[in-house]
Structures are given as structure tokens and as C-alpha cells.
Amino acid sequence: VQLQASGGGLVQAGGSLRLSCAASGHMFGTYAAGWFRRPLGKDLEIVAAINWLGDLTYYPDSVKVRFSISRDNAKNTMYLQMNNLKPEDSALYYCAVARGSYNYTGFDRYNFWGRGTQVTVSS
């Protein structure tokens, strides 16, 4: 599976961005999926996760309510809607998929990763 993330950019605090991640192949609809981010100089952290069907999600407290993950298996695409962005949301964002059905939260559970897309939030 190859993943291509897009939609990053520069936005002012309080603004919104929508990230997309297009997947190749025919297995995407059977895989769990997630978004991760790595702020400059910090560790990788999970932002959102979704199960294969799209009816089970996970968010850490830092983004809960503000971020929303979704997927369209017919289009082999997943999304991350980010609202009310804060400067601390600035990071390189990665999409990833995992063999399996659930909304996994550990980065080591994910098998395929896309190249990151930069999100910068100015204050």
C-alpha cells in the first residue's frame, strides 16, 4: 500500500485545514487507519485513528472535539478535518494504515506510512 498525504499548509490560529490521504491498491478498505504528527524536536504522537469500517474512532485529549477523522473506502481515501487550530498543532502530519480491523493507537501497530505534510499554525 502506498499512501500520499496532502492538504497541509500555513493557517492562522483558529483556522481550519483538511488533510487527505490517498491510498493505492485494493486492501485499503480492510485496514485500520490513523493520522500521526511529529512537532519539531518532539516525538511522534497519534492524532486520530479509525477502524476499517469507519464507525469507531479515537482521539487524544489534545485534539478531541477539534479534529475529526473519516474515510471513504470506495475512494481509497482518508481525511483529517482540523478545526480551531492552535500554534501547538504545528507539525509534520503523517497518514498510516495497519493490517487489522480496529482503531489502533500505537504507532508500531501501523504497517504502511505516507510521506508527511507540513501544518504550520501562526499565532
PDB file of N, CA and C in Angstrom:
ATOM      1  N   VAL A   1       0.849  -1.187   0.000  1.00  0.00           N
ATOM      2  CA  VAL A   1       0.000   0.000   0.000  1.00  0.00           C
ATOM      3  C   VAL A   1       0.885   1.237   0.000  1.00  0.00           C
ATOM      4  N   GLN A   2       0.616   2.138  -0.899  1.00  0.00           N
ATOM      5  CA  GLN A   2       1.318   3.418  -0.912  1.00  0.00           C
ATOM      6  C   GLN A   2       0.337   4.507  -0.534  1.00  0.00           C
ATOM      7  N   LEU A   3       0.805   5.431   0.297  1.00  0.00           N
ATOM      8  CA  LEU A   3      -0.060   6.487   0.809  1.00  0.00           C
ATOM      9  C   LEU A   3       0.510   7.848   0.426  1.00  0.00           C
ATOM     10  N   GLN A   4      -0.371   8.745   0.046  1.00  0.00           N
ATOM     11  CA  GLN A   4       0.034  10.094  -0.331  1.00  0.00           C
ATOM     12  C   GLN A   4      -0.828  11.097   0.421  1.00  0.00           C
ATOM     13  N   ALA A   5      -0.213  11.809   1.353  1.00  0.00           N
ATOM     14  CA  ALA A   5      -0.923  12.811   2.136  1.00  0.00           C
ATOM     15  C   ALA A   5      -0.829  14.172   1.459  1.00  0.00           C
ATOM     16  N   SER A   6      -1.871  14.956   1.626  1.00  0.00           N
ATOM     17  CA  SER A   6      -1.895  16.303   1.073  1.00  0.00           C
ATOM     18  C   SER A   6      -2.806  17.183   1.917  1.00  0.00           C
ATOM     19  N   GLY A   7      -2.750  18.482   1.677  1.00  0.00           N
ATOM     20  CA  GLY A   7      -3.649  19.397   2.347  1.00  0.00           C
ATOM     21  C   GLY A   7      -3.020  20.250   3.429  1.00  0.00           C
ATOM     22  N   GLY A   8      -1.751  20.019   3.706  1.00  0.00           N
ATOM     23  CA  GLY A   8      -1.092  20.828   4.717  1.00  0.00           C
ATOM     24  C   GLY A   8      -0.863  22.252   4.225  1.00  0.00           C
ATOM     25  N   GLY A   9      -0.440  23.114   5.147  1.00  0.00           N
ATOM     26  CA  GLY A   9      -0.181  24.486   4.766  1.00  0.00           C
ATOM     27  C   GLY A   9      -0.036  25.378   5.969  1.00  0.00           C
ATOM     28  N   LEU A  10      -0.056  26.668   5.707  1.00  0.00           N
ATOM     29  CA  LEU A  10       0.068  27.682   6.752  1.00  0.00           C
ATOM     30  C   LEU A  10      -1.307  28.272   7.019  1.00  0.00           C
ATOM     31  N   VAL A  11      -1.692  28.316   8.276  1.00  0.00           N
ATOM     32  CA  VAL A  11      -3.005  28.839   8.655  1.00  0.00           C
ATOM     33  C   VAL A  11      -2.868  29.617   9.955  1.00  0.00           C
ATOM     34  N   GLN A  12      -3.721  30.590  10.143  1.00  0.00           N
ATOM     35  CA  GLN A  12      -3.719  31.351  11.389  1.00  0.00           C
ATOM     36  C   GLN A  12      -4.429  30.572  12.488  1.00  0.00           C
ATOM     37  N   ALA A  13      -4.085  30.863  13.701  1.00  0.00           N
ATOM     38  CA  ALA A  13      -4.744  30.241  14.842  1.00  0.00           C
ATOM     39  C   ALA A  13      -6.248  30.465  14.755  1.00  0.00           C
ATOM     40  N   GLY A  14      -6.991  29.407  15.055  1.00  0.00           N
ATOM     41  CA  GLY A  14      -8.439  29.456  14.940  1.00  0.00           C
ATOM     42  C   GLY A  14      -8.963  29.003  13.586  1.00  0.00           C
ATOM     43  N   GLY A  15      -8.073  28.845  12.646  1.00  0.00           N
ATOM     44  CA  GLY A  15      -8.473  28.428  11.308  1.00  0.00           C
ATOM     45  C   GLY A  15      -8.636  26.923  11.184  1.00  0.00           C
ATOM     46  N   SER A  16      -8.905  26.481   9.960  1.00  0.00           N
ATOM     47  CA  SER A  16      -9.157  25.068   9.690  1.00  0.00           C
ATOM     48  C   SER A  16      -8.346  24.589   8.498  1.00  0.00           C
ATOM     49  N   LEU A  17      -8.042  23.317   8.509  1.00  0.00           N
ATOM     50  CA  LEU A  17      -7.428  22.636   7.378  1.00  0.00           C
ATOM     51  C   LEU A  17      -8.034  21.250   7.271  1.00  0.00           C
ATOM     52  N   ARG A  18      -8.043  20.720   6.055  1.00  0.00           N
ATOM     53  CA  ARG A  18      -8.478  19.349   5.840  1.00  0.00           C
ATOM     54  C   ARG A  18      -7.366  18.592   5.133  1.00  0.00           C
ATOM     55  N   LEU A  19      -6.840  17.599   5.816  1.00  0.00           N
ATOM     56  CA  LEU A  19      -5.829  16.748   5.219  1.00  0.00           C
ATOM     57  C   LEU A  19      -6.493  15.569   4.526  1.00  0.00           C
ATOM     58  N   SER A  20      -5.912  15.151   3.429  1.00  0.00           N
ATOM     59  CA  SER A  20      -6.375  13.963   2.715  1.00  0.00           C
ATOM     60  C   SER A  20      -5.223  12.984   2.579  1.00  0.00           C
ATOM     61  N   CYS A  21      -5.551  11.716   2.483  1.00  0.00           N
ATOM     62  CA  CYS A  21      -4.542  10.686   2.295  1.00  0.00           C
ATOM     63  C   CYS A  21      -5.106   9.670   1.310  1.00  0.00           C
ATOM     64  N   ALA A  22      -4.510   9.632   0.125  1.00  0.00           N
ATOM     65  CA  ALA A  22      -4.950   8.705  -0.916  1.00  0.00           C
ATOM     66  C   ALA A  22      -4.101   7.445  -0.874  1.00  0.00           C
ATOM     67  N   ALA A  23      -4.759   6.299  -0.935  1.00  0.00           N
ATOM     68  CA  ALA A  23      -4.069   5.014  -0.862  1.00  0.00           C
ATOM     69  C   ALA A  23      -4.151   4.278  -2.188  1.00  0.00           C
ATOM     70  N   SER A  24      -3.085   3.566  -2.506  1.00  0.00           N
ATOM     71  CA  SER A  24      -3.093   2.731  -3.703  1.00  0.00           C
ATOM     72  C   SER A  24      -3.519   1.316  -3.318  1.00  0.00           C
ATOM     73  N   GLY A  25      -3.846   0.501  -4.301  1.00  0.00           N
ATOM     74  CA  GLY A  25      -4.173  -0.889  -4.043  1.00  0.00           C
ATOM     75  C   GLY A  25      -5.621  -1.091  -3.651  1.00  0.00           C
ATOM     76  N   HIS A  26      -5.966  -2.352  -3.402  1.00  0.00           N
ATOM     77  CA  HIS A  26      -7.347  -2.698  -3.135  1.00  0.00           C
ATOM     78  C   HIS A  26      -7.592  -3.142  -1.704  1.00  0.00           C
ATOM     79  N   MET A  27      -6.565  -3.049  -0.841  1.00  0.00           N
ATOM     80  CA  MET A  27      -6.718  -3.524   0.527  1.00  0.00           C
ATOM     81  C   MET A  27      -7.076  -2.426   1.511  1.00  0.00           C
ATOM     82  N   PHE A  28      -7.057  -1.176   1.064  1.00  0.00           N
ATOM     83  CA  PHE A  28      -7.269  -0.061   1.988  1.00  0.00           C
ATOM     84  C   PHE A  28      -8.545  -0.230   2.801  1.00  0.00           C
ATOM     85  N   GLY A  29      -9.612  -0.666   2.162  1.00  0.00           N
ATOM     86  CA  GLY A  29     -10.898  -0.775   2.835  1.00  0.00           C
ATOM     87  C   GLY A  29     -10.941  -1.820   3.930  1.00  0.00           C
ATOM     88  N   THR A  30      -9.928  -2.663   4.024  1.00  0.00           N
ATOM     89  CA  THR A  30      -9.882  -3.694   5.059  1.00  0.00           C
ATOM     90  C   THR A  30      -8.904  -3.351   6.175  1.00  0.00           C
ATOM     91  N   TYR A  31      -8.218  -2.230   6.054  1.00  0.00           N
ATOM     92  CA  TYR A  31      -7.189  -1.837   7.015  1.00  0.00           C
ATOM     93  C   TYR A  31      -7.683  -0.760   7.965  1.00  0.00           C
ATOM     94  N   ALA A  32      -7.178  -0.787   9.182  1.00  0.00           N
ATOM     95  CA  ALA A  32      -7.349   0.338  10.088  1.00  0.00           C
ATOM     96  C   ALA A  32      -6.482   1.488   9.590  1.00  0.00           C
ATOM     97  N   ALA A  33      -6.790   2.697  10.026  1.00  0.00           N
ATOM     98  CA  ALA A  33      -6.054   3.861   9.537  1.00  0.00           C
ATOM     99  C   ALA A  33      -5.869   4.883  10.652  1.00  0.00           C
ATOM    100  N   GLY A  34      -4.863   5.713  10.480  1.00  0.00           N
ATOM    101  CA  GLY A  34      -4.616   6.714  11.505  1.00  0.00           C
ATOM    102  C   GLY A  34      -3.824   7.889  10.980  1.00  0.00           C
ATOM    103  N   TRP A  35      -3.843   8.953  11.747  1.00  0.00           N
ATOM    104  CA  TRP A  35      -3.027  10.138  11.492  1.00  0.00           C
ATOM    105  C   TRP A  35      -2.107  10.347  12.697  1.00  0.00           C
ATOM    106  N   PHE A  36      -0.877  10.667  12.400  1.00  0.00           N
ATOM    107  CA  PHE A  36       0.114  10.940  13.428  1.00  0.00           C
ATOM    108  C   PHE A  36       0.777  12.276  13.104  1.00  0.00           C
ATOM    109  N   ARG A  37       1.465  12.844  14.094  1.00  0.00           N
ATOM    110  CA  ARG A  37       2.206  14.072  13.832  1.00  0.00           C
ATOM    111  C   ARG A  37       3.498  14.094  14.639  1.00  0.00           C
ATOM    112  N   ARG A  38       4.466  14.813  14.107  1.00  0.00           N
ATOM    113  CA  ARG A  38       5.742  14.993  14.798  1.00  0.00           C
ATOM    114  C   ARG A  38       6.061  16.471  14.823  1.00  0.00           C
ATOM    115  N   PRO A  39       5.811  17.114  15.966  1.00  0.00           N
ATOM    116  CA  PRO A  39       6.210  18.517  16.092  1.00  0.00           C
ATOM    117  C   PRO A  39       7.729  18.625  16.028  1.00  0.00           C
ATOM    118  N   LEU A  40       8.236  19.737  15.632  1.00  0.00           N
ATOM    119  CA  LEU A  40       9.672  19.935  15.502  1.00  0.00           C
ATOM    120  C   LEU A  40      10.374  19.675  16.836  1.00  0.00           C
ATOM    121  N   GLY A  41      11.303  18.753  16.822  1.00  0.00           N
ATOM    122  CA  GLY A  41      12.067  18.443  18.010  1.00  0.00           C
ATOM    123  C   GLY A  41      11.362  17.568  19.031  1.00  0.00           C
ATOM    124  N   LYS A  42      10.195  17.061  18.664  1.00  0.00           N
ATOM    125  CA  LYS A  42       9.436  16.244  19.612  1.00  0.00           C
ATOM    126  C   LYS A  42       9.156  14.858  19.026  1.00  0.00           C
ATOM    127  N   ASP A  43       8.563  14.022  19.846  1.00  0.00           N
ATOM    128  CA  ASP A  43       8.287  12.649  19.426  1.00  0.00           C
ATOM    129  C   ASP A  43       7.025  12.556  18.574  1.00  0.00           C
ATOM    130  N   LEU A  44       6.933  11.456  17.863  1.00  0.00           N
ATOM    131  CA  LEU A  44       5.734  11.151  17.089  1.00  0.00           C
ATOM    132  C   LEU A  44       4.568  10.905  18.035  1.00  0.00           C
ATOM    133  N   GLU A  45       3.416  11.431  17.694  1.00  0.00           N
ATOM    134  CA  GLU A  45       2.236  11.226  18.532  1.00  0.00           C
ATOM    135  C   GLU A  45       1.020  10.973  17.645  1.00  0.00           C
ATOM    136  N   ILE A  46       0.109  10.201  18.191  1.00  0.00           N
ATOM    137  CA  ILE A  46      -1.100   9.912  17.442  1.00  0.00           C
ATOM    138  C   ILE A  46      -2.044  11.109  17.517  1.00  0.00           C
ATOM    139  N   VAL A  47      -2.747  11.329  16.419  1.00  0.00           N
ATOM    140  CA  VAL A  47      -3.712  12.409  16.337  1.00  0.00           C
ATOM    141  C   VAL A  47      -5.128  11.854  16.242  1.00  0.00           C
ATOM    142  N   ALA A  48      -5.281  10.774  15.486  1.00  0.00           N
ATOM    143  CA  ALA A  48      -6.601  10.173  15.320  1.00  0.00           C
ATOM    144  C   ALA A  48      -6.442   8.787  14.724  1.00  0.00           C
ATOM    145  N   ALA A  49      -7.394   7.926  15.020  1.00  0.00           N
ATOM    146  CA  ALA A  49      -7.399   6.580  14.465  1.00  0.00           C
ATOM    147  C   ALA A  49      -8.828   6.181  14.147  1.00  0.00           C
ATOM    148  N   ILE A  50      -8.968   5.306  13.156  1.00  0.00           N
ATOM    149  CA  ILE A  50     -10.296   4.876  12.724  1.00  0.00           C
ATOM    150  C   ILE A  50     -10.243   3.417  12.308  1.00  0.00           C
ATOM    151  N   ASN A  51     -11.294   2.695  12.582  1.00  0.00           N
ATOM    152  CA  ASN A  51     -11.306   1.285  12.210  1.00  0.00           C
ATOM    153  C   ASN A  51     -11.631   1.132  10.730  1.00  0.00           C
ATOM    154  N   TRP A  52     -11.627  -0.102  10.258  1.00  0.00           N
ATOM    155  CA  TRP A  52     -11.755  -0.338   8.823  1.00  0.00           C
ATOM    156  C   TRP A  52     -13.106   0.124   8.280  1.00  0.00           C
ATOM    157  N   LEU A  53     -14.149   0.020   9.114  1.00  0.00           N
ATOM    158  CA  LEU A  53     -15.488   0.363   8.651  1.00  0.00           C
ATOM    159  C   LEU A  53     -15.760   1.859   8.755  1.00  0.00           C
ATOM    160  N   GLY A  54     -15.018   2.517   9.653  1.00  0.00           N
ATOM    161  CA  GLY A  54     -15.213   3.944   9.819  1.00  0.00           C
ATOM    162  C   GLY A  54     -16.194   4.328  10.901  1.00  0.00           C
ATOM    163  N   ASP A  55     -16.602   3.370  11.724  1.00  0.00           N
ATOM    164  CA  ASP A  55     -17.589   3.673  12.758  1.00  0.00           C
ATOM    165  C   ASP A  55     -16.998   3.687  14.160  1.00  0.00           C
ATOM    166  N   LEU A  56     -15.691   3.541  14.248  1.00  0.00           N
ATOM    167  CA  LEU A  56     -15.022   3.566  15.548  1.00  0.00           C
ATOM    168  C   LEU A  56     -13.779   4.434  15.418  1.00  0.00           C
ATOM    169  N   THR A  57     -13.700   5.456  16.267  1.00  0.00           N
ATOM    170  CA  THR A  57     -12.574   6.389  16.178  1.00  0.00           C
ATOM    171  C   THR A  57     -11.922   6.589  17.542  1.00  0.00           C
ATOM    172  N   TYR A  58     -10.733   7.183  17.484  1.00  0.00           N
ATOM    173  CA  TYR A  58     -10.006   7.518  18.709  1.00  0.00           C
ATOM    174  C   TYR A  58      -9.335   8.869  18.516  1.00  0.00           C
ATOM    175  N   TYR A  59      -9.342   9.675  19.561  1.00  0.00           N
ATOM    176  CA  TYR A  59      -8.621  10.952  19.563  1.00  0.00           C
ATOM    177  C   TYR A  59      -7.977  11.160  20.932  1.00  0.00           C
ATOM    178  N   PRO A  60      -6.779  11.656  20.980  1.00  0.00           N
ATOM    179  CA  PRO A  60      -6.212  12.043  22.273  1.00  0.00           C
ATOM    180  C   PRO A  60      -6.904  13.323  22.750  1.00  0.00           C
ATOM    181  N   ASP A  61      -6.800  13.595  24.026  1.00  0.00           N
ATOM    182  CA  ASP A  61      -7.475  14.771  24.600  1.00  0.00           C
ATOM    183  C   ASP A  61      -7.030  16.077  23.939  1.00  0.00           C
ATOM    184  N   SER A  62      -5.791  16.114  23.466  1.00  0.00           N
ATOM    185  CA  SER A  62      -5.252  17.353  22.907  1.00  0.00           C
ATOM    186  C   SER A  62      -5.988  17.827  21.651  1.00  0.00           C
ATOM    187  N   VAL A  63      -6.647  16.901  20.946  1.00  0.00           N
ATOM    188  CA  VAL A  63      -7.332  17.291  19.703  1.00  0.00           C
ATOM    189  C   VAL A  63      -8.809  16.928  19.702  1.00  0.00           C
ATOM    190  N   LYS A  64      -9.241  16.258  20.747  1.00  0.00           N
ATOM    191  CA  LYS A  64     -10.643  15.832  20.805  1.00  0.00           C
ATOM    192  C   LYS A  64     -11.570  17.034  20.635  1.00  0.00           C
ATOM    193  N   VAL A  65     -12.626  16.855  19.913  1.00  0.00           N
ATOM    194  CA  VAL A  65     -13.631  17.875  19.587  1.00  0.00           C
ATOM    195  C   VAL A  65     -13.171  18.739  18.414  1.00  0.00           C
ATOM    196  N   ARG A  66     -11.869  19.049  18.327  1.00  0.00           N
ATOM    197  CA  ARG A  66     -11.388  19.934  17.267  1.00  0.00           C
ATOM    198  C   ARG A  66     -11.077  19.177  15.972  1.00  0.00           C
ATOM    199  N   PHE A  67     -10.602  17.933  16.072  1.00  0.00           N
ATOM    200  CA  PHE A  67     -10.217  17.147  14.904  1.00  0.00           C
ATOM    201  C   PHE A  67     -11.229  16.037  14.656  1.00  0.00           C
ATOM    202  N   SER A  68     -11.355  15.662  13.380  1.00  0.00           N
ATOM    203  CA  SER A  68     -12.273  14.583  13.015  1.00  0.00           C
ATOM    204  C   SER A  68     -11.663  13.757  11.886  1.00  0.00           C
ATOM    205  N   ILE A  69     -11.549  12.461  12.127  1.00  0.00           N
ATOM    206  CA  ILE A  69     -11.037  11.546  11.113  1.00  0.00           C
ATOM    207  C   ILE A  69     -12.199  10.868  10.417  1.00  0.00           C
ATOM    208  N   SER A  70     -12.058  10.635   9.136  1.00  0.00           N
ATOM    209  CA  SER A  70     -13.088   9.926   8.373  1.00  0.00           C
ATOM    210  C   SER A  70     -12.413   9.200   7.213  1.00  0.00           C
ATOM    211  N   ARG A  71     -13.172   8.354   6.569  1.00  0.00           N
ATOM    212  CA  ARG A  71     -12.621   7.613   5.442  1.00  0.00           C
ATOM    213  C   ARG A  71     -13.711   7.325   4.432  1.00  0.00           C
ATOM    214  N   ASP A  72     -13.309   7.195   3.191  1.00  0.00           N
ATOM    215  CA  ASP A  72     -14.193   6.812   2.100  1.00  0.00           C
ATOM    216  C   ASP A  72     -13.534   5.620   1.418  1.00  0.00           C
ATOM    217  N   ASN A  73     -13.945   4.436   1.790  1.00  0.00           N
ATOM    218  CA  ASN A  73     -13.290   3.228   1.276  1.00  0.00           C
ATOM    219  C   ASN A  73     -13.493   3.060  -0.226  1.00  0.00           C
ATOM    220  N   ALA A  74     -14.595   3.574  -0.735  1.00  0.00           N
ATOM    221  CA  ALA A  74     -14.831   3.484  -2.179  1.00  0.00           C
ATOM    222  C   ALA A  74     -13.816   4.316  -2.954  1.00  0.00           C
ATOM    223  N   LYS A  75     -13.302   5.354  -2.327  1.00  0.00           N
ATOM    224  CA  LYS A  75     -12.319   6.228  -2.966  1.00  0.00           C
ATOM    225  C   LYS A  75     -10.897   5.968  -2.478  1.00  0.00           C
ATOM    226  N   ASN A  76     -10.733   4.971  -1.617  1.00  0.00           N
ATOM    227  CA  ASN A  76      -9.402   4.677  -1.069  1.00  0.00           C
ATOM    228  C   ASN A  76      -8.761   5.910  -0.440  1.00  0.00           C
ATOM    229  N   THR A  77      -9.543   6.657   0.296  1.00  0.00           N
ATOM    230  CA  THR A  77      -9.059   7.918   0.839  1.00  0.00           C
ATOM    231  C   THR A  77      -9.503   8.083   2.289  1.00  0.00           C
ATOM    232  N   MET A  78      -8.628   8.670   3.088  1.00  0.00           N
ATOM    233  CA  MET A  78      -8.967   9.035   4.449  1.00  0.00           C
ATOM    234  C   MET A  78      -8.732  10.533   4.623  1.00  0.00           C
ATOM    235  N   TYR A  79      -9.378  11.101   5.632  1.00  0.00           N
ATOM    236  CA  TYR A  79      -9.333  12.539   5.821  1.00  0.00           C
ATOM    237  C   TYR A  79      -9.093  12.882   7.297  1.00  0.00           C
ATOM    238  N   LEU A  80      -8.578  14.065   7.506  1.00  0.00           N
ATOM    239  CA  LEU A  80      -8.468  14.620   8.853  1.00  0.00           C
ATOM    240  C   LEU A  80      -8.919  16.073   8.782  1.00  0.00           C
ATOM    241  N   GLN A  81     -10.096  16.328   9.323  1.00  0.00           N
ATOM    242  CA  GLN A  81     -10.603  17.698   9.402  1.00  0.00           C
ATOM    243  C   GLN A  81     -10.111  18.305  10.705  1.00  0.00           C
ATOM    244  N   MET A  82      -9.415  19.427  10.586  1.00  0.00           N
ATOM    245  CA  MET A  82      -8.826  20.082  11.763  1.00  0.00           C
ATOM    246  C   MET A  82      -9.415  21.468  11.897  1.00  0.00           C
ATOM    247  N   ASN A  83     -10.118  21.692  12.999  1.00  0.00           N
ATOM    248  CA  ASN A  83     -10.751  22.983  13.254  1.00  0.00           C
ATOM    249  C   ASN A  83     -10.139  23.648  14.474  1.00  0.00           C
ATOM    250  N   ASN A  84     -10.353  24.948  14.584  1.00  0.00           N
ATOM    251  CA  ASN A  84      -9.840  25.712  15.721  1.00  0.00           C
ATOM    252  C   ASN A  84      -8.365  25.383  15.983  1.00  0.00           C
ATOM    253  N   LEU A  85      -7.572  25.482  14.953  1.00  0.00           N
ATOM    254  CA  LEU A  85      -6.159  25.117  15.058  1.00  0.00           C
ATOM    255  C   LEU A  85      -5.401  26.043  15.987  1.00  0.00           C
ATOM    256  N   LYS A  86      -4.433  25.478  16.681  1.00  0.00           N
ATOM    257  CA  LYS A  86      -3.606  26.210  17.632  1.00  0.00           C
ATOM    258  C   LYS A  86      -2.141  26.121  17.200  1.00  0.00           C
ATOM    259  N   PRO A  87      -1.321  27.066  17.622  1.00  0.00           N
ATOM    260  CA  PRO A  87       0.105  27.001  17.257  1.00  0.00           C
ATOM    261  C   PRO A  87       0.755  25.673  17.653  1.00  0.00           C
ATOM    262  N   GLU A  88       0.315  25.080  18.740  1.00  0.00           N
ATOM    263  CA  GLU A  88       0.890  23.802  19.168  1.00  0.00           C
ATOM    264  C   GLU A  88       0.488  22.637  18.283  1.00  0.00           C
ATOM    265  N   ASP A  89      -0.413  22.866  17.341  1.00  0.00           N
ATOM    266  CA  ASP A  89      -0.754  21.826  16.362  1.00  0.00           C
ATOM    267  C   ASP A  89       0.244  21.786  15.205  1.00  0.00           C
ATOM    268  N   SER A  90       1.146  22.755  15.156  1.00  0.00           N
ATOM    269  CA  SER A  90       2.146  22.794  14.084  1.00  0.00           C
ATOM    270  C   SER A  90       3.020  21.548  14.153  1.00  0.00           C
ATOM    271  N   ALA A  91       3.130  20.863  13.024  1.00  0.00           N
ATOM    272  CA  ALA A  91       3.889  19.609  12.982  1.00  0.00           C
ATOM    273  C   ALA A  91       3.890  19.061  11.568  1.00  0.00           C
ATOM    274  N   LEU A  92       4.687  18.020  11.382  1.00  0.00           N
ATOM    275  CA  LEU A  92       4.633  17.235  10.153  1.00  0.00           C
ATOM    276  C   LEU A  92       3.611  16.123  10.402  1.00  0.00           C
ATOM    277  N   TYR A  93       2.581  16.079   9.582  1.00  0.00           N
ATOM    278  CA  TYR A  93       1.497  15.125   9.764  1.00  0.00           C
ATOM    279  C   TYR A  93       1.655  13.952   8.805  1.00  0.00           C
ATOM    280  N   TYR A  94       1.472  12.743   9.337  1.00  0.00           N
ATOM    281  CA  TYR A  94       1.600  11.516   8.569  1.00  0.00           C
ATOM    282  C   TYR A  94       0.308  10.722   8.611  1.00  0.00           C
ATOM    283  N   CYS A  95      -0.040  10.104   7.498  1.00  0.00           N
ATOM    284  CA  CYS A  95      -1.120   9.123   7.497  1.00  0.00           C
ATOM    285  C   CYS A  95      -0.504   7.727   7.461  1.00  0.00           C
ATOM    286  N   ALA A  96      -1.226   6.779   8.007  1.00  0.00           N
ATOM    287  CA  ALA A  96      -0.720   5.416   8.085  1.00  0.00           C
ATOM    288  C   ALA A  96      -1.886   4.440   8.106  1.00  0.00           C
ATOM    289  N   VAL A  97      -1.626   3.216   7.668  1.00  0.00           N
ATOM    290  CA  VAL A  97      -2.635   2.162   7.734  1.00  0.00           C
ATOM    291  C   VAL A  97      -2.034   0.931   8.381  1.00  0.00           C
ATOM    292  N   ALA A  98      -2.910   0.143   8.995  1.00  0.00           N
ATOM    293  CA  ALA A  98      -2.480  -1.040   9.719  1.00  0.00           C
ATOM    294  C   ALA A  98      -3.291  -2.243   9.274  1.00  0.00           C
ATOM    295  N   ARG A  99      -2.626  -3.349   9.112  1.00  0.00           N
ATOM    296  CA  ARG A  99      -3.343  -4.598   8.846  1.00  0.00           C
ATOM    297  C   ARG A  99      -4.147  -4.926  10.091  1.00  0.00           C
ATOM    298  N   GLY A 100      -5.435  -5.048   9.937  1.00  0.00           N
ATOM    299  CA  GLY A 100      -6.292  -5.289  11.093  1.00  0.00           C
ATOM    300  C   GLY A 100      -7.502  -4.396  11.041  1.00  0.00           C
ATOM    301  N   SER A 101      -8.404  -4.620  11.985  1.00  0.00           N
ATOM    302  CA  SER A 101      -9.732  -4.012  11.897  1.00  0.00           C
ATOM    303  C   SER A 101      -9.960  -2.820  12.815  1.00  0.00           C
ATOM    304  N   TYR A 102      -9.172  -2.694  13.880  1.00  0.00           N
ATOM    305  CA  TYR A 102      -9.531  -1.759  14.937  1.00  0.00           C
ATOM    306  C   TYR A 102      -8.864  -0.393  14.787  1.00  0.00           C
ATOM    307  N   ASN A 103      -9.255   0.515  15.663  1.00  0.00           N
ATOM    308  CA  ASN A 103      -8.673   1.854  15.648  1.00  0.00           C
ATOM    309  C   ASN A 103      -7.441   1.864  16.555  1.00  0.00           C
ATOM    310  N   TYR A 104      -6.366   1.297  16.053  1.00  0.00           N
ATOM    311  CA  TYR A 104      -5.144   1.146  16.836  1.00  0.00           C
ATOM    312  C   TYR A 104      -4.520   2.489  17.168  1.00  0.00           C
ATOM    313  N   THR A 105      -3.953   2.584  18.368  1.00  0.00           N
ATOM    314  CA  THR A 105      -3.378   3.854  18.801  1.00  0.00           C
ATOM    315  C   THR A 105      -1.849   3.859  18.836  1.00  0.00           C
ATOM    316  N   GLY A 106      -1.223   2.708  18.822  1.00  0.00           N
ATOM    317  CA  GLY A 106       0.233   2.640  18.868  1.00  0.00           C
ATOM    318  C   GLY A 106       0.846   2.738  17.491  1.00  0.00           C
ATOM    319  N   PHE A 107       1.863   3.600  17.341  1.00  0.00           N
ATOM    320  CA  PHE A 107       2.432   3.796  16.010  1.00  0.00           C
ATOM    321  C   PHE A 107       3.096   2.520  15.506  1.00  0.00           C
ATOM    322  N   ASP A 108       3.569   1.664  16.413  1.00  0.00           N
ATOM    323  CA  ASP A 108       4.244   0.441  15.977  1.00  0.00           C
ATOM    324  C   ASP A 108       3.270  -0.579  15.425  1.00  0.00           C
ATOM    325  N   ARG A 109       1.997  -0.307  15.540  1.00  0.00           N
ATOM    326  CA  ARG A 109       0.985  -1.217  15.005  1.00  0.00           C
ATOM    327  C   ARG A 109       0.753  -0.974  13.515  1.00  0.00           C
ATOM    328  N   TYR A 110       1.220   0.148  13.014  1.00  0.00           N
ATOM    329  CA  TYR A 110       0.939   0.545  11.641  1.00  0.00           C
ATOM    330  C   TYR A 110       2.029   0.055  10.688  1.00  0.00           C
ATOM    331  N   ASN A 111       1.593  -0.455   9.545  1.00  0.00           N
ATOM    332  CA  ASN A 111       2.488  -1.129   8.619  1.00  0.00           C
ATOM    333  C   ASN A 111       2.939  -0.254   7.445  1.00  0.00           C
ATOM    334  N   PHE A 112       2.087   0.673   7.042  1.00  0.00           N
ATOM    335  CA  PHE A 112       2.390   1.496   5.867  1.00  0.00           C
ATOM    336  C   PHE A 112       2.223   2.964   6.218  1.00  0.00           C
ATOM    337  N   TRP A 113       3.171   3.758   5.761  1.00  0.00           N
ATOM    338  CA  TRP A 113       3.184   5.175   6.104  1.00  0.00           C
ATOM    339  C   TRP A 113       3.334   6.030   4.852  1.00  0.00           C
ATOM    340  N   GLY A 114       2.641   7.152   4.854  1.00  0.00           N
ATOM    341  CA  GLY A 114       2.833   8.125   3.791  1.00  0.00           C
ATOM    342  C   GLY A 114       3.917   9.124   4.174  1.00  0.00           C
ATOM    343  N   ARG A 115       4.353   9.892   3.205  1.00  0.00           N
ATOM    344  CA  ARG A 115       5.267  10.989   3.489  1.00  0.00           C
ATOM    345  C   ARG A 115       4.461  12.098   4.159  1.00  0.00           C
ATOM    346  N   GLY A 116       5.078  12.833   5.025  1.00  0.00           N
ATOM    347  CA  GLY A 116       4.368  13.820   5.802  1.00  0.00           C
ATOM    348  C   GLY A 116       3.955  15.044   5.012  1.00  0.00           C
ATOM    349  N   THR A 117       2.977  15.726   5.558  1.00  0.00           N
ATOM    350  CA  THR A 117       2.563  17.020   5.023  1.00  0.00           C
ATOM    351  C   THR A 117       2.634  18.028   6.176  1.00  0.00           C
ATOM    352  N   GLN A 118       3.257  19.160   5.912  1.00  0.00           N
ATOM    353  CA  GLN A 118       3.534  20.119   6.975  1.00  0.00           C
ATOM    354  C   GLN A 118       2.311  20.986   7.269  1.00  0.00           C
ATOM    355  N   VAL A 119       2.010  21.109   8.540  1.00  0.00           N
ATOM    356  CA  VAL A 119       0.968  22.029   9.008  1.00  0.00           C
ATOM    357  C   VAL A 119       1.635  23.047   9.927  1.00  0.00           C
ATOM    358  N   THR A 120       1.459  24.315   9.608  1.00  0.00           N
ATOM    359  CA  THR A 120       2.020  25.383  10.428  1.00  0.00           C
ATOM    360  C   THR A 120       0.903  26.339  10.817  1.00  0.00           C
ATOM    361  N   VAL A 121       0.764  26.560  12.114  1.00  0.00           N
ATOM    362  CA  VAL A 121      -0.285  27.430  12.625  1.00  0.00           C
ATOM    363  C   VAL A 121       0.378  28.648  13.260  1.00  0.00           C
ATOM    364  N   SER A 122       0.074  29.800  12.730  1.00  0.00           N
ATOM    365  CA  SER A 122       0.666  31.031  13.257  1.00  0.00           C
ATOM    366  C   SER A 122      -0.243  31.644  14.309  1.00  0.00           C
ATOM    367  N   SER A 123       0.385  32.299  15.274  1.00  0.00           N
ATOM    368  CA  SER A 123      -0.402  32.896  16.366  1.00  0.00           C
ATOM    369  C   SER A 123      -0.827  34.320  16.032  1.00  0.00           C
TER     370      SER A 123
END
